[in-house]
Each structure stands twice: as structure tokens, then as C-alpha cells.
Amino acid sequence: MSDASTFTRIMDLCRQGREGFRAGRPEQALAALEAVSEIALHAMAAPVSVPGPDALPVAPGVRVGRTAATSGLTTEQARLQLMRLKVANKALAVAYESTITAFQTFREGLDVVQQVRTVQELPALCEHIAHLFSLAAVELVMAQQVLPADVCPPPTLQEADAACPVQLDADTLAEAWTALQEVGTPRCYIGPATALEHPAAFFPVATRASADGILRGSCFVFPFHRGNSRMPLGFLSLLDADPGRYTTDMATDYLEHFCAVFEAIIFSMLEKESVSGRQYLDPLTGIRNRTYLEHYGRQLLEQAGILDIPVCLLFLDLDHFKPVNDAWGHETGDLVLREVARTLDRVSRRGDVVCRIGGDEFIILLPDASTEEASSYAKRLHAALAAITPESLGLECEGRAPFVVRASIGMACHSQGMDLEALLNAADGAMYAVKQDGREPRGTPTPS
């Protein structure tokens, strides 16, 4: 091969190498680099004098010296130098291929995240990400205020633990965040899972599944911040069984970028759902309204019929509420209604549906509750409501008659073939019977 043809061949291989790197085809770049090395090795016996620069660019940051650059070296020294170059080229290509693979995986993960439309899809999304990234667990934990009732409806009867992301109250979240900052960086935590002081706050499902409650392996925990808030509004946590998967010396650029985009997409979705969900909220009390009851209640009763799960409904009407409005004014009346709503919501179980359907009437839908359980629940409501007084609301009587909140509660239990309207009518009738002759909740028995 002539000097000119050798030079032309080397230049062509350099061009192929650059194209391979730019196009994300490391195997093409590696083949070009090895071919250049082979040409140089064969040329050792008869050094080739070629025109052009002393070094040829093969790839970004990689340049191969021309034969003239080996002048002063023995053939064996030059051969050894080129062999080392081949090894370095291969290592570079392998590292580049690994980087491209990681980038493609994160890109695929972001594509999956961008397809999520509702909060109910988030648990399944985390499972998908865990499978995609070959992880032991991916868990999303959110602050309670981020997932209000209008955004995160009650869980289904079949999947009570998988309907929404796990929610943390403000105190638990603050405690976990403070401890995390002591072992991590201001932006995230990366390292052994055993170093987490509150593992259940970041991996509630994995911690419950562990026989001894101890997480092993390594993890990456990314806090979600919005605006200038110092306290995070949630965490995206990744767990791997390999202790060497997440270590402080690894580059986290792709990982942090993925988590940041994940955060932006999730909060954008939550804001949209919150706006659309307001149609299901009672504007005065903030709990669900009749529209939500009619929408969700029908679905729940259909599911209960299929699964043969008991459902009870309590119809609550405040007693002597008009005199409170007359004596204390409508502002106080509204205050009482809001406190009643908060009380009902506080006493209810996760999965119960508490609604205000108008005026001083409230509905509590109790899935998977027997007649005895619903009756016991109604008695607890009586006790909790009786604690609402002018003093508890921070009001002074100033000559006005004090009041204690009381309610008449009617109960009805679902039977096969009974729709929501029939269930409401049965509970309404039971409530009026209670108003006439006593305070004890009255209702229909559970069908056999």
C-alpha cells in the first residue's frame, strides 16, 4: 500500500470513528480505532511518511499520532505503545457504550413517566421503573398536603395499599428529612440503605416486606422541592440489593436529571388533577360533595356486589342547627359545619367516603363494614361531635345560649341489587325515625 493510499485509508477510518461516536454507535468507533492501530502496527517494519498534521482526530478527545511521531523509538517500543492504545481505545468504547445504554434507559424511563395521567397510576409506574432499571424497589412517598382528597380518592376494595402513593404527615416528613441531611448531601442521599435512620419513611413497602425491618444494599433518595420550600414535599427512592450499585463516588448526573424531570411531571399532573377534582368538593367544608358520592358510590356498590363485600351508609343530619344560625349568626354556623366535616373526616377510616350533600346533611359511605361495625362507628361519631362547643371553637357566649353539636344518624346496609339511590333513601328514612324517638343510630340489618 502506498504512502498516499495509507494516509487516505487512515483518514477514512478516522472519519468513520468520529461518525460512530456522534451517532451513538460505539462498535463502529471501536472498529475504526482498531483498524487504525492495525495499519500502524503493520507499518512498523517500514515507517510511512504521510502528509498532514502530526496527530489525527479519531473521536472527541482522542487523537492517533502518525508514524513520524514514533521516530526515535524502536519498533518494539512503538508496537507496545500502539498495543496500549488499542486497549485504551477498547476501554473508551466500552465506557461510551455503557454511557449510551444508561442514557437510553433513563430516556425510556422518562417516556414512561410522561405517559402517566392520574395519581392512581403512580404505584404501577414505580413498579415499571424498578423493572426497567433492574432495581429491588422504587417507591414514591408524598406529603399529605400534596395529595388532598380531591386528588387522591379512596382506594379500591381490592387494592387498599396500592391506590395512591404512601403519604407522610408533616412531623414524620420533617423528622425523616432532618435525619437524611445528616448522612447525605443537600440535594440527595446516595449510599448504603443501612445508613438511613428512618428507612420506613423512604421505603415503606420494602421495609414492611423485610422480615426484620432492615433494608440491605444501596439506595438513592431524591427529595422533591417546589418553589422556595425548605421542607421537601416528597421523596423518590431507589433501592438495589447490590451494595456497590449506589455509592458516593458514582456520577449521578443522569439519575438526578431523571428524578428532577419525574418531579416536574408529577407535580404538573397533580395540579391539573386538583383543578379538575374541584368539581367533587364542597366549597364550604372542603370535603367531597354529592356529585362525588354519586360518581364514586355507584362504582363502589357495583364492585361490592361483584366481590360480595358489605357496604354500609350513614345518613347524618345535625339536630337543632337552625337555632345556632339564628342566635350566633351564619358565620358561626359555617364554622360549625366546617368543624363537623373535619371531625367526620378525622374519625373515618382510610377508604371511607365522607360527603356533605347540602345544608346540615352529611353522608358517610363505609366499604367493607358490617352492621355492627357501622353502628359502633356511628356511636363514635356522636361522642366526637359532642366535643364541638363554643369553647372548642374559640367563641365567647356573651349572653347567647351555648350549644353542643348533636346529630341524628340513620344507617342502611347494601344488599344485592340495591342501587345508590335506594341505599340513600333507606338511610334517610332511618335517620328520620331516629329524630322522632331517640339518639341511637337505627338502620336496616345486614342482608343474609
Protein backbone atom coordinates (compact mmCIF):
# COMPACT_ATOMS: atom_id res chain seq x y z
CA MET A 1 0.00 0.00 0.00
CA SER A 2 1.44 3.38 -0.99
CA ASP A 3 2.00 6.24 1.42
CA ALA A 4 -0.86 8.19 -0.14
CA SER A 5 -3.32 5.29 -0.01
CA THR A 6 -2.29 4.50 3.58
CA PHE A 7 -2.94 8.09 4.59
CA THR A 8 -6.27 8.12 2.75
CA ARG A 9 -7.30 4.88 4.47
CA ILE A 10 -6.36 6.25 7.92
CA MET A 11 -8.28 9.47 7.29
CA ASP A 12 -11.32 7.47 6.15
CA LEU A 13 -11.17 5.32 9.30
CA CYS A 14 -10.86 8.44 11.46
CA ARG A 15 -13.98 9.84 9.80
CA GLN A 16 -15.85 6.57 10.46
CA GLY A 17 -14.73 6.65 14.08
CA ARG A 18 -15.98 10.19 14.60
CA GLU A 19 -19.31 9.37 12.96
CA GLY A 20 -19.67 6.30 15.16
CA PHE A 21 -19.19 8.29 18.36
CA ARG A 22 -21.52 11.07 17.24
CA ALA A 23 -24.25 8.64 16.17
CA GLY A 24 -24.07 6.64 19.39
CA ARG A 25 -22.59 3.55 17.68
CA PRO A 26 -19.55 2.70 19.83
CA GLU A 27 -18.98 -0.59 17.99
CA GLN A 28 -18.38 1.35 14.76
CA ALA A 29 -15.98 3.74 16.50
CA LEU A 30 -14.12 0.85 18.14
CA ALA A 31 -13.72 -0.99 14.82
CA ALA A 32 -12.30 2.15 13.21
CA LEU A 33 -9.83 2.70 16.05
CA GLU A 34 -8.64 -0.90 15.92
CA ALA A 35 -8.20 -0.71 12.15
CA VAL A 36 -6.05 2.41 12.51
CA SER A 37 -3.94 0.62 15.11
CA GLU A 38 -3.53 -2.42 12.85
CA ILE A 39 -2.35 -0.25 9.97
CA ALA A 40 0.17 1.42 12.25
CA LEU A 41 1.42 -1.94 13.57
CA HIS A 42 1.97 -3.27 10.05
CA ALA A 43 3.76 -0.08 9.15
CA MET A 44 6.30 -0.52 11.93
CA ALA A 45 8.60 -2.52 9.72
CA ALA A 46 8.68 0.30 7.18
CA PRO A 47 7.63 3.66 8.67
CA VAL A 48 5.38 5.59 6.40
CA SER A 49 5.88 9.27 5.79
CA VAL A 50 2.48 10.87 5.36
CA PRO A 51 1.49 14.46 4.86
CA GLY A 52 -0.84 16.31 7.16
CA PRO A 53 -0.92 17.01 10.90
CA ASP A 54 1.20 15.14 13.43
CA ALA A 55 -1.95 13.73 15.09
CA LEU A 56 -5.22 12.64 13.54
CA PRO A 57 -8.52 13.24 15.37
CA VAL A 58 -10.38 9.95 15.73
CA ALA A 59 -13.05 10.95 18.23
CA PRO A 60 -13.72 13.82 20.63
CA GLY A 61 -10.66 13.95 22.87
CA VAL A 62 -8.92 11.04 21.09
CA ARG A 63 -6.10 11.61 18.58
CA VAL A 64 -3.88 8.99 16.96
CA GLY A 65 -0.29 10.03 16.24
CA ARG A 66 1.07 9.50 12.74
CA THR A 67 4.00 7.18 12.15
CA ALA A 68 6.50 10.03 12.15
CA ALA A 69 5.61 10.63 15.81
CA THR A 70 7.32 7.35 16.67
CA SER A 71 10.68 8.45 15.37
CA GLY A 72 13.41 7.80 17.90
CA LEU A 73 11.62 4.72 19.23
CA THR A 74 12.50 1.14 18.43
CA THR A 75 9.97 -0.88 16.51
CA GLU A 76 9.11 -2.91 19.63
CA GLN A 77 8.61 0.24 21.71
CA ALA A 78 6.31 1.68 19.08
CA ARG A 79 4.45 -1.62 18.80
CA LEU A 80 3.95 -1.70 22.58
CA GLN A 81 2.73 1.86 22.56
CA LEU A 82 0.18 1.09 19.87
CA MET A 83 -0.99 -2.03 21.67
CA ARG A 84 -1.63 0.08 24.74
CA LEU A 85 -3.54 2.47 22.53
CA LYS A 86 -5.73 -0.41 21.33
CA VAL A 87 -6.51 -1.40 24.91
CA ALA A 88 -7.29 2.20 25.82
CA ASN A 89 -9.47 2.57 22.72
CA LYS A 90 -11.45 -0.52 23.64
CA ALA A 91 -11.91 0.64 27.23
CA LEU A 92 -13.07 4.00 25.94
CA ALA A 93 -15.57 2.39 23.59
CA VAL A 94 -16.90 0.09 26.32
CA ALA A 95 -17.33 3.05 28.68
CA TYR A 96 -19.03 5.02 25.95
CA GLU A 97 -21.34 2.12 25.14
CA SER A 98 -22.23 1.82 28.83
CA THR A 99 -22.99 5.53 28.96
CA ILE A 100 -25.18 5.32 25.87
CA THR A 101 -27.05 2.33 27.35
CA ALA A 102 -27.63 4.19 30.62
CA PHE A 103 -28.83 7.26 28.74
CA GLN A 104 -31.24 5.18 26.66
CA THR A 105 -32.60 3.51 29.81
CA PHE A 106 -33.21 6.85 31.50
CA ARG A 107 -34.77 8.19 28.31
CA GLU A 108 -37.13 5.22 28.18
CA GLY A 109 -37.96 5.79 31.85
CA LEU A 110 -38.86 9.42 31.17
CA ASP A 111 -41.05 8.36 28.26
CA VAL A 112 -42.94 6.07 30.64
CA VAL A 113 -43.30 8.84 33.25
CA GLN A 114 -44.68 11.24 30.66
CA GLN A 115 -47.49 8.81 29.85
CA VAL A 116 -48.89 8.93 33.41
CA ARG A 117 -52.18 10.79 33.64
CA THR A 118 -53.61 10.04 37.11
CA VAL A 119 -52.43 9.55 40.68
CA GLN A 120 -53.78 6.01 40.64
CA GLU A 121 -51.16 5.08 38.02
CA LEU A 122 -48.18 6.10 40.20
CA PRO A 123 -47.70 2.81 42.12
CA ALA A 124 -47.71 0.86 38.86
CA LEU A 125 -45.31 3.43 37.41
CA CYS A 126 -42.86 2.82 40.25
CA GLU A 127 -43.01 -0.93 39.62
CA HIS A 128 -42.34 -0.32 35.93
CA ILE A 129 -39.34 1.90 36.69
CA ALA A 130 -37.96 -0.71 39.12
CA HIS A 131 -38.16 -3.36 36.40
CA LEU A 132 -36.66 -1.04 33.77
CA PHE A 133 -33.72 -0.05 35.98
CA SER A 134 -33.31 -3.60 37.40
CA LEU A 135 -33.89 -2.39 40.96
CA ALA A 136 -35.21 -4.11 44.07
CA ALA A 137 -37.68 -1.28 44.70
CA VAL A 138 -38.72 2.18 43.53
CA GLU A 139 -41.01 3.98 45.97
CA LEU A 140 -42.74 7.34 45.83
CA VAL A 141 -43.67 8.97 49.14
CA MET A 142 -45.58 12.26 49.24
CA ALA A 143 -46.56 14.80 51.88
CA GLN A 144 -50.22 14.59 52.88
CA GLN A 145 -50.96 18.13 51.73
CA VAL A 146 -49.76 17.25 48.24
CA LEU A 147 -52.41 14.56 47.81
CA PRO A 148 -55.64 16.06 49.17
CA ALA A 149 -58.93 14.19 48.98
CA ASP A 150 -59.91 15.68 45.63
CA VAL A 151 -56.71 14.40 44.02
CA CYS A 152 -56.32 11.02 45.68
CA PRO A 153 -59.69 9.28 46.02
CA PRO A 154 -60.23 6.34 48.36
CA PRO A 155 -58.53 3.05 47.46
CA THR A 156 -60.44 0.30 45.75
CA LEU A 157 -61.72 -2.59 47.83
CA GLN A 158 -59.22 -4.94 46.21
CA GLU A 159 -56.10 -2.77 46.37
CA ALA A 160 -56.26 -0.70 49.53
CA ASP A 161 -52.47 -0.29 49.69
CA ALA A 162 -51.89 0.40 46.00
CA ALA A 163 -54.44 3.07 45.14
CA CYS A 164 -52.19 6.03 45.89
CA PRO A 165 -48.60 6.77 46.86
CA VAL A 166 -47.81 6.45 50.56
CA GLN A 167 -48.46 9.73 52.37
CA LEU A 168 -46.43 11.19 55.25
CA ASP A 169 -47.71 13.65 57.82
CA ALA A 170 -45.73 16.86 58.33
CA ASP A 171 -43.97 15.73 61.52
CA THR A 172 -42.81 12.39 60.11
CA LEU A 173 -41.61 14.02 56.91
CA ALA A 174 -39.67 16.72 58.79
CA GLU A 175 -38.01 14.15 61.06
CA ALA A 176 -37.01 11.95 58.12
CA TRP A 177 -35.66 14.91 56.14
CA THR A 178 -33.57 16.17 59.05
CA ALA A 179 -32.00 12.75 59.54
CA LEU A 180 -31.38 12.35 55.81
CA GLN A 181 -29.48 15.64 55.60
CA GLU A 182 -27.08 14.43 58.28
CA VAL A 183 -25.92 11.49 56.15
CA GLY A 184 -26.48 12.81 52.62
CA THR A 185 -25.80 15.86 50.51
CA PRO A 186 -28.07 18.94 50.33
CA ARG A 187 -29.56 17.58 47.11
CA CYS A 188 -29.93 13.85 47.72
CA TYR A 189 -28.73 10.75 49.55
CA ILE A 190 -26.66 8.03 47.93
CA GLY A 191 -25.08 5.16 49.81
CA PRO A 192 -25.86 2.09 51.94
CA ALA A 193 -29.51 1.57 52.86
CA THR A 194 -28.50 0.64 56.41
CA ALA A 195 -27.39 4.26 56.99
CA LEU A 196 -30.98 5.50 56.71
CA GLU A 197 -32.23 6.36 60.19
CA HIS A 198 -35.89 6.23 59.10
CA PRO A 199 -36.00 3.64 56.28
CA ALA A 200 -39.78 3.26 56.51
CA ALA A 201 -40.21 6.93 55.59
CA PHE A 202 -38.47 6.38 52.25
CA PHE A 203 -39.19 2.70 51.57
CA PRO A 204 -42.44 1.93 53.45
CA VAL A 205 -43.37 -1.05 51.28
CA ALA A 206 -39.89 -2.59 51.17
CA THR A 207 -39.44 -2.10 54.91
CA ARG A 208 -42.75 -3.86 55.64
CA ALA A 209 -41.75 -6.69 53.33
CA SER A 210 -38.40 -7.18 55.10
CA ALA A 211 -38.52 -9.93 57.72
CA ASP A 212 -36.51 -7.91 60.25
CA GLY A 213 -37.43 -4.43 59.03
CA ILE A 214 -33.85 -3.79 57.91
CA LEU A 215 -33.04 -2.75 54.35
CA ARG A 216 -29.86 -4.05 52.76
CA GLY A 217 -27.99 -2.98 49.67
CA SER A 218 -27.57 0.56 48.41
CA CYS A 219 -30.05 3.30 47.64
CA PHE A 220 -30.59 6.71 46.09
CA VAL A 221 -33.11 9.09 47.70
CA PHE A 222 -34.13 12.25 45.86
CA PRO A 223 -36.25 14.90 47.68
CA PHE A 224 -38.98 16.80 45.84
CA HIS A 225 -38.92 20.56 46.45
CA ARG A 226 -41.34 23.09 44.99
CA GLY A 227 -40.53 26.78 44.79
CA ASN A 228 -38.55 28.05 47.75
CA SER A 229 -39.86 25.47 50.21
CA ARG A 230 -37.14 24.27 52.59
CA MET A 231 -39.09 21.19 53.51
CA PRO A 232 -39.46 18.60 50.72
CA LEU A 233 -42.93 17.59 49.58
CA GLY A 234 -41.95 14.01 48.90
CA PHE A 235 -39.20 11.56 48.03
CA LEU A 236 -38.42 9.30 45.09
CA SER A 237 -36.36 6.41 46.48
CA LEU A 238 -34.47 3.74 44.53
CA LEU A 239 -33.19 0.56 46.22
CA ASP A 240 -30.78 -2.06 44.86
CA ALA A 241 -29.66 -5.27 46.55
CA ASP A 242 -26.09 -4.64 45.35
CA PRO A 243 -24.18 -2.55 47.94
CA GLY A 244 -22.00 -1.21 45.13
CA ARG A 245 -24.81 0.00 42.86
CA TYR A 246 -25.19 3.40 44.53
CA THR A 247 -22.00 4.79 46.07
CA THR A 248 -20.75 8.30 46.75
CA ASP A 249 -18.09 8.07 44.02
CA MET A 250 -20.54 7.38 41.19
CA ALA A 251 -21.71 10.05 38.77
CA THR A 252 -25.37 10.89 39.37
CA ASP A 253 -25.99 13.38 36.55
CA TYR A 254 -28.43 11.17 34.61
CA LEU A 255 -30.07 9.94 37.80
CA GLU A 256 -30.65 13.43 39.21
CA HIS A 257 -31.90 14.66 35.84
CA PHE A 258 -34.35 11.76 35.65
CA CYS A 259 -35.64 12.45 39.18
CA ALA A 260 -35.96 16.19 38.51
CA VAL A 261 -38.00 15.59 35.35
CA PHE A 262 -40.04 12.95 37.21
CA GLU A 263 -40.77 15.55 39.89
CA ALA A 264 -41.82 18.22 37.38
CA ILE A 265 -44.13 15.85 35.51
CA ILE A 266 -45.75 14.51 38.69
CA PHE A 267 -46.45 17.93 40.18
CA SER A 268 -47.79 19.23 36.87
CA MET A 269 -50.15 16.26 36.76
CA LEU A 270 -51.23 16.83 40.38
CA GLU A 271 -52.02 20.47 39.68
CA LYS A 272 -54.17 19.52 36.69
CA GLU A 273 -55.98 16.82 38.67
CA SER A 274 -56.55 19.21 41.55
CA VAL A 275 -58.23 21.71 39.24
CA SER A 276 -60.44 19.06 37.61
CA GLY A 277 -61.17 17.48 41.01
CA ARG A 278 -62.65 20.64 42.50
CA GLN A 279 -65.99 19.78 40.94
CA TYR A 280 -66.19 16.98 43.51
CA LEU A 281 -65.52 19.22 46.55
CA ASP A 282 -67.94 21.02 48.81
CA PRO A 283 -66.73 24.66 48.69
CA LEU A 284 -67.65 25.40 52.32
CA THR A 285 -66.16 22.41 54.13
CA GLY A 286 -63.59 21.09 51.65
CA ILE A 287 -64.85 17.50 51.87
CA ARG A 288 -66.48 15.66 48.98
CA ASN A 289 -69.88 16.65 47.69
CA ARG A 290 -72.96 14.88 46.36
CA THR A 291 -71.55 14.81 42.82
CA TYR A 292 -68.59 12.77 44.04
CA LEU A 293 -70.85 10.48 46.07
CA GLU A 294 -72.98 9.73 43.02
CA HIS A 295 -69.92 9.16 40.84
CA TYR A 296 -67.82 7.07 43.21
CA GLY A 297 -70.67 5.49 45.20
CA ARG A 298 -72.12 3.76 42.16
CA GLN A 299 -68.72 2.31 41.27
CA LEU A 300 -68.15 1.11 44.82
CA LEU A 301 -71.56 -0.59 45.06
CA GLU A 302 -71.00 -2.35 41.73
CA GLN A 303 -67.64 -3.60 42.93
CA ALA A 304 -69.07 -4.64 46.29
CA GLY A 305 -71.76 -6.66 44.53
CA ILE A 306 -69.18 -8.48 42.41
CA LEU A 307 -66.85 -9.19 45.34
CA ASP A 308 -69.65 -9.84 47.85
CA ILE A 309 -68.26 -7.22 50.25
CA PRO A 310 -70.56 -5.48 52.77
CA VAL A 311 -71.09 -1.74 52.44
CA CYS A 312 -72.99 0.46 54.90
CA LEU A 313 -74.14 4.05 54.55
CA LEU A 314 -74.72 6.54 57.37
CA PHE A 315 -77.05 9.50 56.82
CA LEU A 316 -76.24 12.24 59.35
CA ASP A 317 -78.42 15.29 59.98
CA LEU A 318 -77.49 17.88 62.62
CA ASP A 319 -80.09 18.45 65.33
CA HIS A 320 -81.31 21.97 66.16
CA PHE A 321 -78.84 23.61 63.80
CA LYS A 322 -81.18 26.45 62.82
CA PRO A 323 -81.18 27.95 66.35
CA VAL A 324 -77.38 28.07 66.20
CA ASN A 325 -77.57 30.08 62.99
CA ASP A 326 -80.27 32.35 64.43
CA ALA A 327 -78.52 33.03 67.75
CA TRP A 328 -74.89 33.04 66.66
CA GLY A 329 -75.10 34.11 63.02
CA HIS A 330 -74.33 32.36 59.77
CA GLU A 331 -70.58 32.83 60.12
CA THR A 332 -70.65 30.74 63.28
CA GLY A 333 -72.98 28.28 61.56
CA ASP A 334 -70.47 27.88 58.73
CA LEU A 335 -67.70 27.45 61.29
CA VAL A 336 -69.68 24.64 62.95
CA LEU A 337 -70.27 22.91 59.61
CA ARG A 338 -66.57 23.03 58.77
CA GLU A 339 -65.68 21.62 62.19
CA VAL A 340 -68.25 18.84 61.78
CA ALA A 341 -66.72 17.96 58.41
CA ARG A 342 -63.21 17.87 59.91
CA THR A 343 -64.46 15.68 62.75
CA LEU A 344 -66.16 13.20 60.42
CA ASP A 345 -63.05 13.07 58.26
CA ARG A 346 -60.80 12.54 61.27
CA VAL A 347 -62.86 9.73 62.77
CA SER A 348 -63.34 7.91 59.47
CA ARG A 349 -61.11 5.13 58.20
CA ARG A 350 -58.94 5.33 55.14
CA GLY A 351 -61.23 4.33 52.28
CA ASP A 352 -64.43 5.68 53.86
CA VAL A 353 -66.21 8.37 51.85
CA VAL A 354 -67.35 11.45 53.79
CA CYS A 355 -69.61 13.88 51.89
CA ARG A 356 -71.72 16.93 52.58
CA ILE A 357 -74.78 16.70 50.37
CA GLY A 358 -76.26 20.04 51.37
CA GLY A 359 -77.29 22.16 54.35
CA ASP A 360 -76.50 20.29 57.56
CA GLU A 361 -76.72 16.82 56.00
CA PHE A 362 -73.71 14.53 55.65
CA ILE A 363 -73.18 11.05 54.20
CA ILE A 364 -70.55 8.53 55.28
CA LEU A 365 -70.11 5.54 52.97
CA LEU A 366 -68.39 2.62 54.75
CA PRO A 367 -66.96 -0.08 52.44
CA ASP A 368 -66.19 -3.47 53.97
CA ALA A 369 -68.12 -2.69 57.17
CA SER A 370 -70.72 -4.89 58.87
CA THR A 371 -73.83 -3.57 60.60
CA GLU A 372 -72.14 -3.89 63.99
CA GLU A 373 -69.06 -2.01 62.80
CA ALA A 374 -71.16 0.75 61.24
CA SER A 375 -73.23 1.07 64.42
CA SER A 376 -70.09 1.30 66.54
CA TYR A 377 -68.70 3.91 64.16
CA ALA A 378 -71.90 5.97 64.47
CA LYS A 379 -71.58 5.95 68.27
CA ARG A 380 -68.01 7.21 67.99
CA LEU A 381 -69.28 10.00 65.77
CA HIS A 382 -71.81 11.03 68.41
CA ALA A 383 -69.06 11.30 71.01
CA ALA A 384 -66.72 13.23 68.70
CA LEU A 385 -69.42 15.68 67.62
CA ALA A 386 -70.45 16.33 71.23
CA ALA A 387 -66.97 17.78 71.80
CA ILE A 388 -67.76 20.65 69.41
CA THR A 389 -68.81 23.58 71.61
CA PRO A 390 -68.36 27.36 71.52
CA GLU A 391 -65.33 26.93 73.77
CA SER A 392 -63.70 24.36 71.45
CA LEU A 393 -64.24 26.77 68.56
CA GLY A 394 -62.73 29.69 70.45
CA LEU A 395 -66.06 31.54 70.75
CA GLU A 396 -67.39 33.52 73.70
CA CYS A 397 -71.07 33.21 74.58
CA GLU A 398 -71.58 36.89 75.55
CA GLY A 399 -75.13 36.27 76.74
CA ARG A 400 -76.01 33.80 74.00
CA ALA A 401 -77.10 30.27 74.77
CA PRO A 402 -74.22 27.76 74.49
CA PHE A 403 -74.62 24.86 72.11
CA VAL A 404 -73.44 21.29 71.77
CA VAL A 405 -73.42 19.67 68.36
CA ARG A 406 -75.67 16.64 68.13
CA ALA A 407 -76.85 14.64 65.16
CA SER A 408 -79.42 12.07 64.13
CA ILE A 409 -77.79 9.21 62.25
CA GLY A 410 -79.62 6.72 60.08
CA MET A 411 -77.97 3.57 58.79
CA ALA A 412 -78.59 1.34 55.78
CA CYS A 413 -76.62 -1.64 54.52
CA HIS A 414 -76.27 -2.66 50.91
CA SER A 415 -77.88 -5.79 49.55
CA GLN A 416 -77.61 -7.40 46.13
CA GLY A 417 -79.47 -5.41 43.51
CA MET A 418 -79.72 -2.25 45.64
CA ASP A 419 -78.52 0.88 43.87
CA LEU A 420 -77.17 4.05 45.45
CA GLU A 421 -80.49 5.89 45.39
CA ALA A 422 -82.25 3.04 47.20
CA LEU A 423 -79.46 2.89 49.78
CA LEU A 424 -79.68 6.66 50.38
CA ASN A 425 -83.47 6.51 50.74
CA ALA A 426 -83.23 3.66 53.26
CA ALA A 427 -80.68 5.55 55.37
CA ASP A 428 -82.69 8.77 55.09
CA GLY A 429 -85.79 7.01 56.39
CA ALA A 430 -83.82 5.50 59.27
CA MET A 431 -82.44 8.94 60.13
CA TYR A 432 -85.91 10.49 60.42
CA ALA A 433 -87.01 7.61 62.62
CA VAL A 434 -84.08 8.40 64.94
CA LYS A 435 -85.06 12.08 65.06
CA GLN A 436 -88.54 11.14 66.21
CA ASP A 437 -87.77 8.72 69.02
CA GLY A 438 -84.14 8.77 70.13
CA ARG A 439 -80.46 9.29 69.57
CA GLU A 440 -79.30 5.70 68.92
CA PRO A 441 -78.49 5.06 65.26
CA ARG A 442 -81.12 2.97 63.56
CA GLY A 443 -80.97 1.16 60.28
CA THR A 444 -81.56 -1.87 58.18
CA PRO A 445 -79.89 -5.16 59.10
CA THR A 446 -77.14 -6.65 57.00
CA PRO A 447 -78.77 -8.95 54.44
CA SER A 448 -78.03 -12.62 54.87
